[in-house]
Amino acid sequence: MSHPTMIANQRAILLVEDQAVLAMMQIRILNSAGFVVHHVSTGEAAIIFLGQKLFPIDIILMDIDLGSGMDGTEAAKEILLLHKIPLVFLSSHTETEIIERTESITSYGYILKTSGEIVLIASIKMALRLFESYQKHSEAQELFEKAFFVSPIAMSLHDTSNQFRFVNVNPSFEKLVGYEKREVIGKTSLDLKMYVNDADSTEIRKKFLTDGKLTGFKHRFRLRNGEVREGNLSMEMVEINGKPHALTFQNFLF
């Protein structure tokens, strides 16, 4: 097990490779590309190393054949259950079955050991960029969800590709309109007869799909108890899991 000195802003790699000579060659290549490399030779050692949290690791390069202990795919599964970190398989296997097995474990790549230095370094950098992009998306998604659920404004989310069916509503929507979340998910406003004038629904969708947003649309809508109120509806286009959705904001006028 090797623990090199880390320079500020260097990316750190955990290399899991049981063949000492091959590991030395890979470490040299990675060091020359500016990476600091920590090396362990077994899957068990990799799990222990990461669990100790003594050194920050930005990415894992995992061999598949690791001697008599657990193989790389088993180690990867255990590691990824406990750590949010990009993991790339680095192996000599070209069998379709093995490659497909790794694809179900990680989406950050599979590198053949015979690919060469340029492909190796480029693949690592691409995996790091992909992970950073995923992290930013996850953080933005988490922030959106928190704002959605704590907002005092009645908000609902609709699938624009499926007749604007409800995907989610916040507690303020439930309080304002009277419907519980379970009663509206998968249904449309027309299904629930929310609009006093059904033509409003058609106009709202048309304006929104044309402009990509809707601001201050005055309409009359029906609460769950049958009471009719006049409201002010605004909508914004948001992307959820790669699909466009309509985020609506509903206020009472009287």
C-alpha atoms as a PDB file:
ATOM      1  CA  MET A   1       0.000   0.000   0.000  1.00  0.00           C
ATOM      2  CA  SER A   2       1.512   3.333  -1.060  1.00  0.00           C
ATOM      3  CA  HIS A   3       0.701   6.818   0.289  1.00  0.00           C
ATOM      4  CA  PRO A   4       2.411   9.588  -1.696  1.00  0.00           C
ATOM      5  CA  THR A   5       2.628  13.220  -0.609  1.00  0.00           C
ATOM      6  CA  MET A   6      -0.197  15.294  -2.041  1.00  0.00           C
ATOM      7  CA  ILE A   7       0.266  18.780  -3.478  1.00  0.00           C
ATOM      8  CA  ALA A   8      -2.567  21.314  -3.211  1.00  0.00           C
ATOM      9  CA  ASN A   9      -5.165  21.086  -6.012  1.00  0.00           C
ATOM     10  CA  GLN A  10      -3.862  17.720  -7.225  1.00  0.00           C
ATOM     11  CA  ARG A  11      -6.468  15.103  -8.055  1.00  0.00           C
ATOM     12  CA  ALA A  12      -6.062  11.913  -6.045  1.00  0.00           C
ATOM     13  CA  ILE A  13      -6.595   8.432  -7.479  1.00  0.00           C
ATOM     14  CA  LEU A  14      -7.011   5.171  -5.611  1.00  0.00           C
ATOM     15  CA  LEU A  15      -5.526   2.486  -7.835  1.00  0.00           C
ATOM     16  CA  VAL A  16      -6.654  -1.056  -7.030  1.00  0.00           C
ATOM     17  CA  GLU A  17      -4.273  -3.395  -8.874  1.00  0.00           C
ATOM     18  CA  ASP A  18      -2.832  -6.699  -7.661  1.00  0.00           C
ATOM     19  CA  GLN A  19       0.072  -6.939 -10.122  1.00  0.00           C
ATOM     20  CA  ALA A  20       2.955  -4.959  -8.637  1.00  0.00           C
ATOM     21  CA  VAL A  21       4.885  -4.354 -11.877  1.00  0.00           C
ATOM     22  CA  LEU A  22       1.780  -3.236 -13.742  1.00  0.00           C
ATOM     23  CA  ALA A  23       0.792  -1.014 -10.832  1.00  0.00           C
ATOM     24  CA  MET A  24       4.212   0.685 -10.903  1.00  0.00           C
ATOM     25  CA  MET A  25       3.803   1.415 -14.623  1.00  0.00           C
ATOM     26  CA  GLN A  26       0.308   2.816 -14.122  1.00  0.00           C
ATOM     27  CA  ILE A  27       1.425   4.972 -11.193  1.00  0.00           C
ATOM     28  CA  ARG A  28       4.232   6.426 -13.313  1.00  0.00           C
ATOM     29  CA  ILE A  29       1.799   7.303 -16.111  1.00  0.00           C
ATOM     30  CA  LEU A  30      -0.708   8.849 -13.715  1.00  0.00           C
ATOM     31  CA  ASN A  31       1.951  10.794 -11.818  1.00  0.00           C
ATOM     32  CA  SER A  32       3.294  12.213 -15.079  1.00  0.00           C
ATOM     33  CA  ALA A  33      -0.232  13.450 -15.868  1.00  0.00           C
ATOM     34  CA  GLY A  34      -0.341  15.339 -12.561  1.00  0.00           C
ATOM     35  CA  PHE A  35      -2.319  12.889 -10.439  1.00  0.00           C
ATOM     36  CA  VAL A  36      -1.341  11.705  -6.970  1.00  0.00           C
ATOM     37  CA  VAL A  37      -1.869   7.956  -6.690  1.00  0.00           C
ATOM     38  CA  HIS A  38      -2.604   5.767  -3.672  1.00  0.00           C
ATOM     39  CA  HIS A  39      -2.191   2.069  -4.424  1.00  0.00           C
ATOM     40  CA  VAL A  40      -3.714  -1.017  -2.824  1.00  0.00           C
ATOM     41  CA  SER A  41      -3.589  -4.528  -4.212  1.00  0.00           C
ATOM     42  CA  THR A  42      -6.900  -6.043  -3.061  1.00  0.00           C
ATOM     43  CA  GLY A  43     -10.564  -5.159  -2.943  1.00  0.00           C
ATOM     44  CA  GLU A  44     -10.604  -5.668   0.812  1.00  0.00           C
ATOM     45  CA  ALA A  45      -7.724  -3.230   1.236  1.00  0.00           C
ATOM     46  CA  ALA A  46      -9.532  -0.653  -0.902  1.00  0.00           C
ATOM     47  CA  ILE A  47     -12.617  -0.862   1.319  1.00  0.00           C
ATOM     48  CA  ILE A  48     -10.522  -0.437   4.467  1.00  0.00           C
ATOM     49  CA  PHE A  49      -8.513   2.422   2.938  1.00  0.00           C
ATOM     50  CA  LEU A  50     -11.618   4.397   2.028  1.00  0.00           C
ATOM     51  CA  GLY A  51     -13.253   3.649   5.363  1.00  0.00           C
ATOM     52  CA  GLN A  52     -10.304   5.136   7.249  1.00  0.00           C
ATOM     53  CA  LYS A  53     -10.741   8.450   5.395  1.00  0.00           C
ATOM     54  CA  LEU A  54      -7.090   9.342   5.926  1.00  0.00           C
ATOM     55  CA  PHE A  55      -6.609  10.685   2.401  1.00  0.00           C
ATOM     56  CA  PRO A  56      -9.081  12.424   0.070  1.00  0.00           C
ATOM     57  CA  ILE A  57      -9.794  10.405  -3.081  1.00  0.00           C
ATOM     58  CA  ASP A  58     -11.291  11.915  -6.228  1.00  0.00           C
ATOM     59  CA  ILE A  59     -11.620   8.765  -8.339  1.00  0.00           C
ATOM     60  CA  ILE A  60     -11.015   5.013  -8.139  1.00  0.00           C
ATOM     61  CA  LEU A  61      -9.354   2.889 -10.821  1.00  0.00           C
ATOM     62  CA  MET A  62     -10.440  -0.683 -10.156  1.00  0.00           C
ATOM     63  CA  ASP A  63      -8.978  -3.831 -11.696  1.00  0.00           C
ATOM     64  CA  ILE A  64     -11.373  -6.783 -11.950  1.00  0.00           C
ATOM     65  CA  ASP A  65      -9.074  -9.732 -11.282  1.00  0.00           C
ATOM     66  CA  LEU A  66      -7.587  -9.166  -7.831  1.00  0.00           C
ATOM     67  CA  GLY A  67      -6.226 -12.526  -6.801  1.00  0.00           C
ATOM     68  CA  SER A  68      -7.825 -14.943  -4.355  1.00  0.00           C
ATOM     69  CA  GLY A  69      -9.974 -12.410  -2.474  1.00  0.00           C
ATOM     70  CA  MET A  70     -13.023 -10.503  -3.686  1.00  0.00           C
ATOM     71  CA  ASP A  71     -12.862  -9.396  -7.292  1.00  0.00           C
ATOM     72  CA  GLY A  72     -13.104  -5.816  -8.503  1.00  0.00           C
ATOM     73  CA  THR A  73     -16.829  -5.897  -9.224  1.00  0.00           C
ATOM     74  CA  GLU A  74     -17.624  -7.135  -5.697  1.00  0.00           C
ATOM     75  CA  ALA A  75     -15.353  -4.520  -4.137  1.00  0.00           C
ATOM     76  CA  ALA A  76     -16.865  -1.781  -6.297  1.00  0.00           C
ATOM     77  CA  LYS A  77     -20.393  -2.653  -5.193  1.00  0.00           C
ATOM     78  CA  GLU A  78     -19.451  -2.445  -1.517  1.00  0.00           C
ATOM     79  CA  ILE A  79     -17.524   0.789  -1.986  1.00  0.00           C
ATOM     80  CA  LEU A  80     -20.300   2.539  -3.888  1.00  0.00           C
ATOM     81  CA  LEU A  81     -22.836   1.612  -1.216  1.00  0.00           C
ATOM     82  CA  LEU A  82     -20.820   3.678   1.255  1.00  0.00           C
ATOM     83  CA  HIS A  83     -19.088   6.380  -0.795  1.00  0.00           C
ATOM     84  CA  LYS A  84     -20.167   8.850  -3.459  1.00  0.00           C
ATOM     85  CA  ILE A  85     -17.126   8.684  -5.685  1.00  0.00           C
ATOM     86  CA  PRO A  86     -16.544   8.001  -9.393  1.00  0.00           C
ATOM     87  CA  LEU A  87     -15.203   4.527 -10.071  1.00  0.00           C
ATOM     88  CA  VAL A  88     -13.715   3.396 -13.373  1.00  0.00           C
ATOM     89  CA  PHE A  89     -12.844  -0.196 -14.161  1.00  0.00           C
ATOM     90  CA  LEU A  90      -9.358  -0.721 -15.582  1.00  0.00           C
ATOM     91  CA  SER A  91      -9.096  -4.249 -16.920  1.00  0.00           C
ATOM     92  CA  SER A  92      -7.816  -6.495 -19.672  1.00  0.00           C
ATOM     93  CA  HIS A  93     -11.166  -8.247 -20.061  1.00  0.00           C
ATOM     94  CA  THR A  94     -12.960  -7.738 -23.375  1.00  0.00           C
ATOM     95  CA  GLU A  95     -15.808 -10.224 -22.849  1.00  0.00           C
ATOM     96  CA  THR A  96     -19.233  -8.684 -23.396  1.00  0.00           C
ATOM     97  CA  GLU A  97     -20.648 -10.385 -20.295  1.00  0.00           C
ATOM     98  CA  ILE A  98     -18.052  -8.834 -17.995  1.00  0.00           C
ATOM     99  CA  ILE A  99     -18.303  -5.378 -19.521  1.00  0.00           C
ATOM    100  CA  GLU A 100     -22.100  -5.445 -19.208  1.00  0.00           C
ATOM    101  CA  ARG A 101     -21.739  -6.504 -15.552  1.00  0.00           C
ATOM    102  CA  THR A 102     -19.574  -3.461 -14.834  1.00  0.00           C
ATOM    103  CA  GLU A 103     -22.081  -1.159 -16.554  1.00  0.00           C
ATOM    104  CA  SER A 104     -24.685  -2.131 -13.958  1.00  0.00           C
ATOM    105  CA  ILE A 105     -22.278  -1.041 -11.198  1.00  0.00           C
ATOM    106  CA  THR A 106     -20.867   2.259 -12.436  1.00  0.00           C
ATOM    107  CA  SER A 107     -21.596   4.673 -15.268  1.00  0.00           C
ATOM    108  CA  TYR A 108     -18.175   6.307 -15.238  1.00  0.00           C
ATOM    109  CA  GLY A 109     -16.432   4.023 -17.690  1.00  0.00           C
ATOM    110  CA  TYR A 110     -14.467   0.901 -18.509  1.00  0.00           C
ATOM    111  CA  ILE A 111     -10.881   1.234 -19.717  1.00  0.00           C
ATOM    112  CA  LEU A 112      -8.905  -1.564 -21.336  1.00  0.00           C
ATOM    113  CA  LYS A 113      -5.364  -1.833 -20.017  1.00  0.00           C
ATOM    114  CA  THR A 114      -4.154  -1.990 -23.612  1.00  0.00           C
ATOM    115  CA  SER A 115      -5.784   1.357 -24.500  1.00  0.00           C
ATOM    116  CA  GLY A 116      -2.627   3.394 -24.009  1.00  0.00           C
ATOM    117  CA  GLU A 117      -1.690   6.433 -21.937  1.00  0.00           C
ATOM    118  CA  ILE A 118      -3.682   9.022 -23.900  1.00  0.00           C
ATOM    119  CA  VAL A 119      -6.963   7.081 -23.662  1.00  0.00           C
ATOM    120  CA  LEU A 120      -6.333   6.308 -19.980  1.00  0.00           C
ATOM    121  CA  ILE A 121      -5.803   9.923 -18.967  1.00  0.00           C
ATOM    122  CA  ALA A 122      -8.612  11.227 -21.185  1.00  0.00           C
ATOM    123  CA  SER A 123     -11.044   8.668 -19.741  1.00  0.00           C
ATOM    124  CA  ILE A 124     -10.152   9.609 -16.169  1.00  0.00           C
ATOM    125  CA  LYS A 125     -10.615  13.316 -16.860  1.00  0.00           C
ATOM    126  CA  MET A 126     -13.943  12.630 -18.573  1.00  0.00           C
ATOM    127  CA  ALA A 127     -15.152  10.573 -15.596  1.00  0.00           C
ATOM    128  CA  LEU A 128     -14.184  13.383 -13.215  1.00  0.00           C
ATOM    129  CA  ARG A 129     -16.065  15.956 -15.302  1.00  0.00           C
ATOM    130  CA  LEU A 130     -19.110  13.690 -15.486  1.00  0.00           C
ATOM    131  CA  PHE A 131     -19.084  13.228 -11.707  1.00  0.00           C
ATOM    132  CA  GLU A 132     -18.758  16.976 -11.079  1.00  0.00           C
ATOM    133  CA  SER A 133     -21.670  17.636 -13.432  1.00  0.00           C
ATOM    134  CA  TYR A 134     -23.751  14.998 -11.642  1.00  0.00           C
ATOM    135  CA  GLN A 135     -22.888  16.508  -8.256  1.00  0.00           C
ATOM    136  CA  LYS A 136     -23.944  19.995  -9.350  1.00  0.00           C
ATOM    137  CA  HIS A 137     -27.191  18.618 -10.749  1.00  0.00           C
ATOM    138  CA  SER A 138     -27.867  16.686  -7.535  1.00  0.00           C
ATOM    139  CA  GLU A 139     -27.217  19.755  -5.387  1.00  0.00           C
ATOM    140  CA  ALA A 140     -29.506  21.887  -7.552  1.00  0.00           C
ATOM    141  CA  GLN A 141     -32.184  19.181  -7.421  1.00  0.00           C
ATOM    142  CA  GLU A 142     -31.938  18.992  -3.638  1.00  0.00           C
ATOM    143  CA  LEU A 143     -32.192  22.773  -3.315  1.00  0.00           C
ATOM    144  CA  PHE A 144     -35.225  22.827  -5.616  1.00  0.00           C
ATOM    145  CA  GLU A 145     -36.978  20.104  -3.621  1.00  0.00           C
ATOM    146  CA  LYS A 146     -36.390  21.904  -0.315  1.00  0.00           C
ATOM    147  CA  ALA A 147     -37.693  25.191  -1.719  1.00  0.00           C
ATOM    148  CA  PHE A 148     -40.689  23.423  -3.270  1.00  0.00           C
ATOM    149  CA  PHE A 149     -41.823  21.798  -0.041  1.00  0.00           C
ATOM    150  CA  VAL A 150     -41.280  24.733   2.329  1.00  0.00           C
ATOM    151  CA  SER A 151     -42.680  27.437   0.044  1.00  0.00           C
ATOM    152  CA  PRO A 152     -45.776  29.251   1.401  1.00  0.00           C
ATOM    153  CA  ILE A 153     -46.972  29.571  -2.215  1.00  0.00           C
ATOM    154  CA  ALA A 154     -49.131  26.777  -3.621  1.00  0.00           C
ATOM    155  CA  MET A 155     -46.945  24.962  -6.147  1.00  0.00           C
ATOM    156  CA  SER A 156     -47.471  21.957  -8.379  1.00  0.00           C
ATOM    157  CA  LEU A 157     -45.364  20.098 -10.930  1.00  0.00           C
ATOM    158  CA  HIS A 158     -46.793  18.802 -14.205  1.00  0.00           C
ATOM    159  CA  ASP A 159     -45.473  16.471 -16.920  1.00  0.00           C
ATOM    160  CA  THR A 160     -45.781  18.521 -20.122  1.00  0.00           C
ATOM    161  CA  SER A 161     -45.264  15.424 -22.279  1.00  0.00           C
ATOM    162  CA  ASN A 162     -48.213  13.630 -20.697  1.00  0.00           C
ATOM    163  CA  GLN A 163     -51.196  16.001 -20.862  1.00  0.00           C
ATOM    164  CA  PHE A 164     -49.834  18.130 -17.996  1.00  0.00           C
ATOM    165  CA  ARG A 165     -50.632  15.429 -15.458  1.00  0.00           C
ATOM    166  CA  PHE A 166     -49.723  16.200 -11.844  1.00  0.00           C
ATOM    167  CA  VAL A 167     -46.330  14.839 -10.815  1.00  0.00           C
ATOM    168  CA  ASN A 168     -46.083  16.521  -7.427  1.00  0.00           C
ATOM    169  CA  VAL A 169     -47.702  19.166  -5.236  1.00  0.00           C
ATOM    170  CA  ASN A 170     -46.415  20.921  -2.133  1.00  0.00           C
ATOM    171  CA  PRO A 171     -48.151  21.209   1.272  1.00  0.00           C
ATOM    172  CA  SER A 172     -49.249  24.778   0.478  1.00  0.00           C
ATOM    173  CA  PHE A 173     -51.101  23.491  -2.596  1.00  0.00           C
ATOM    174  CA  GLU A 174     -52.873  20.860  -0.503  1.00  0.00           C
ATOM    175  CA  LYS A 175     -53.906  23.515   2.017  1.00  0.00           C
ATOM    176  CA  LEU A 176     -55.050  26.014  -0.612  1.00  0.00           C
ATOM    177  CA  VAL A 177     -56.967  23.705  -2.952  1.00  0.00           C
ATOM    178  CA  GLY A 178     -58.085  21.057  -0.473  1.00  0.00           C
ATOM    179  CA  TYR A 179     -56.812  18.014  -2.372  1.00  0.00           C
ATOM    180  CA  GLU A 180     -54.254  15.692  -0.833  1.00  0.00           C
ATOM    181  CA  LYS A 181     -51.210  14.788  -2.900  1.00  0.00           C
ATOM    182  CA  ARG A 182     -52.349  11.183  -3.375  1.00  0.00           C
ATOM    183  CA  GLU A 183     -55.628  12.407  -4.900  1.00  0.00           C
ATOM    184  CA  VAL A 184     -54.045  14.415  -7.714  1.00  0.00           C
ATOM    185  CA  ILE A 185     -50.854  12.590  -8.759  1.00  0.00           C
ATOM    186  CA  GLY A 186     -51.278  11.129 -12.253  1.00  0.00           C
ATOM    187  CA  LYS A 187     -54.396  13.156 -12.975  1.00  0.00           C
ATOM    188  CA  THR A 188     -54.974  16.378 -14.893  1.00  0.00           C
ATOM    189  CA  SER A 189     -56.728  19.542 -13.758  1.00  0.00           C
ATOM    190  CA  LEU A 190     -59.535  18.642 -16.175  1.00  0.00           C
ATOM    191  CA  ASP A 191     -59.869  15.193 -14.599  1.00  0.00           C
ATOM    192  CA  LEU A 192     -60.399  16.926 -11.258  1.00  0.00           C
ATOM    193  CA  LYS A 193     -62.690  19.570 -12.806  1.00  0.00           C
ATOM    194  CA  MET A 194     -60.574  22.334 -11.283  1.00  0.00           C
ATOM    195  CA  TYR A 195     -61.285  24.875 -14.012  1.00  0.00           C
ATOM    196  CA  VAL A 196     -64.697  26.520 -14.014  1.00  0.00           C
ATOM    197  CA  ASN A 197     -64.113  27.281 -17.677  1.00  0.00           C
ATOM    198  CA  ASP A 198     -62.432  24.329 -19.424  1.00  0.00           C
ATOM    199  CA  ALA A 199     -61.252  26.695 -22.166  1.00  0.00           C
ATOM    200  CA  ASP A 200     -58.896  28.254 -19.608  1.00  0.00           C
ATOM    201  CA  SER A 201     -56.981  24.984 -19.468  1.00  0.00           C
ATOM    202  CA  THR A 202     -56.499  24.961 -23.234  1.00  0.00           C
ATOM    203  CA  GLU A 203     -55.391  28.595 -23.287  1.00  0.00           C
ATOM    204  CA  ILE A 204     -52.980  28.084 -20.371  1.00  0.00           C
ATOM    205  CA  ARG A 205     -51.294  25.132 -22.067  1.00  0.00           C
ATOM    206  CA  LYS A 206     -51.096  26.901 -25.409  1.00  0.00           C
ATOM    207  CA  LYS A 207     -49.551  30.056 -23.970  1.00  0.00           C
ATOM    208  CA  PHE A 208     -47.111  28.096 -21.836  1.00  0.00           C
ATOM    209  CA  LEU A 209     -45.921  25.803 -24.620  1.00  0.00           C
ATOM    210  CA  THR A 210     -45.529  28.755 -26.987  1.00  0.00           C
ATOM    211  CA  ASP A 211     -43.654  31.074 -24.626  1.00  0.00           C
ATOM    212  CA  GLY A 212     -42.043  28.577 -22.263  1.00  0.00           C
ATOM    213  CA  LYS A 213     -43.598  30.393 -19.310  1.00  0.00           C
ATOM    214  CA  LEU A 214     -46.820  31.994 -18.120  1.00  0.00           C
ATOM    215  CA  THR A 215     -47.200  35.008 -15.855  1.00  0.00           C
ATOM    216  CA  GLY A 216     -50.262  36.160 -13.923  1.00  0.00           C
ATOM    217  CA  PHE A 217     -53.000  34.313 -15.810  1.00  0.00           C
ATOM    218  CA  LYS A 218     -56.299  35.188 -14.124  1.00  0.00           C
ATOM    219  CA  HIS A 219     -58.813  32.358 -14.014  1.00  0.00           C
ATOM    220  CA  ARG A 220     -61.588  30.895 -11.918  1.00  0.00           C
ATOM    221  CA  PHE A 221     -60.961  27.514 -10.350  1.00  0.00           C
ATOM    222  CA  ARG A 222     -62.858  25.082  -8.205  1.00  0.00           C
ATOM    223  CA  LEU A 223     -61.637  23.849  -4.807  1.00  0.00           C
ATOM    224  CA  ARG A 224     -62.130  20.291  -3.650  1.00  0.00           C
ATOM    225  CA  ASN A 225     -65.183  21.329  -1.589  1.00  0.00           C
ATOM    226  CA  GLY A 226     -66.807  22.832  -4.697  1.00  0.00           C
ATOM    227  CA  GLU A 227     -66.148  26.452  -3.753  1.00  0.00           C
ATOM    228  CA  VAL A 228     -65.191  28.659  -6.726  1.00  0.00           C
ATOM    229  CA  ARG A 229     -62.357  31.161  -6.340  1.00  0.00           C
ATOM    230  CA  GLU A 230     -60.524  33.512  -8.670  1.00  0.00           C
ATOM    231  CA  GLY A 231     -56.810  32.977  -8.871  1.00  0.00           C
ATOM    232  CA  ASN A 232     -53.592  34.153 -10.437  1.00  0.00           C
ATOM    233  CA  LEU A 233     -51.548  31.398 -12.118  1.00  0.00           C
ATOM    234  CA  SER A 234     -47.896  31.567 -13.170  1.00  0.00           C
ATOM    235  CA  MET A 235     -45.792  28.785 -14.699  1.00  0.00           C
ATOM    236  CA  GLU A 236     -42.121  28.151 -15.416  1.00  0.00           C
ATOM    237  CA  MET A 237     -40.448  25.432 -17.452  1.00  0.00           C
ATOM    238  CA  VAL A 238     -38.091  23.223 -15.397  1.00  0.00           C
ATOM    239  CA  GLU A 239     -36.187  20.065 -16.226  1.00  0.00           C
ATOM    240  CA  ILE A 240     -36.679  17.033 -13.985  1.00  0.00           C
ATOM    241  CA  ASN A 241     -34.640  13.906 -14.726  1.00  0.00           C
ATOM    242  CA  GLY A 242     -33.975  15.175 -18.238  1.00  0.00           C
ATOM    243  CA  LYS A 243     -37.651  15.811 -19.055  1.00  0.00           C
ATOM    244  CA  PRO A 244     -39.428  19.183 -19.324  1.00  0.00           C
ATOM    245  CA  HIS A 245     -42.026  19.906 -16.658  1.00  0.00           C
ATOM    246  CA  ALA A 246     -44.280  22.817 -15.816  1.00  0.00           C
ATOM    247  CA  LEU A 247     -43.824  24.310 -12.365  1.00  0.00           C
ATOM    248  CA  THR A 248     -46.970  26.243 -11.393  1.00  0.00           C
ATOM    249  CA  PHE A 249     -47.553  28.919  -8.772  1.00  0.00           C
ATOM    250  CA  GLN A 250     -51.155  29.502  -7.705  1.00  0.00           C
ATOM    251  CA  ASN A 251     -52.418  32.461  -5.681  1.00  0.00           C
ATOM    252  CA  PHE A 252     -55.926  33.493  -4.640  1.00  0.00           C
ATOM    253  CA  LEU A 253     -57.149  36.888  -5.765  1.00  0.00           C
ATOM    254  CA  PHE A 254     -60.410  36.554  -3.857  1.00  0.00           C
END
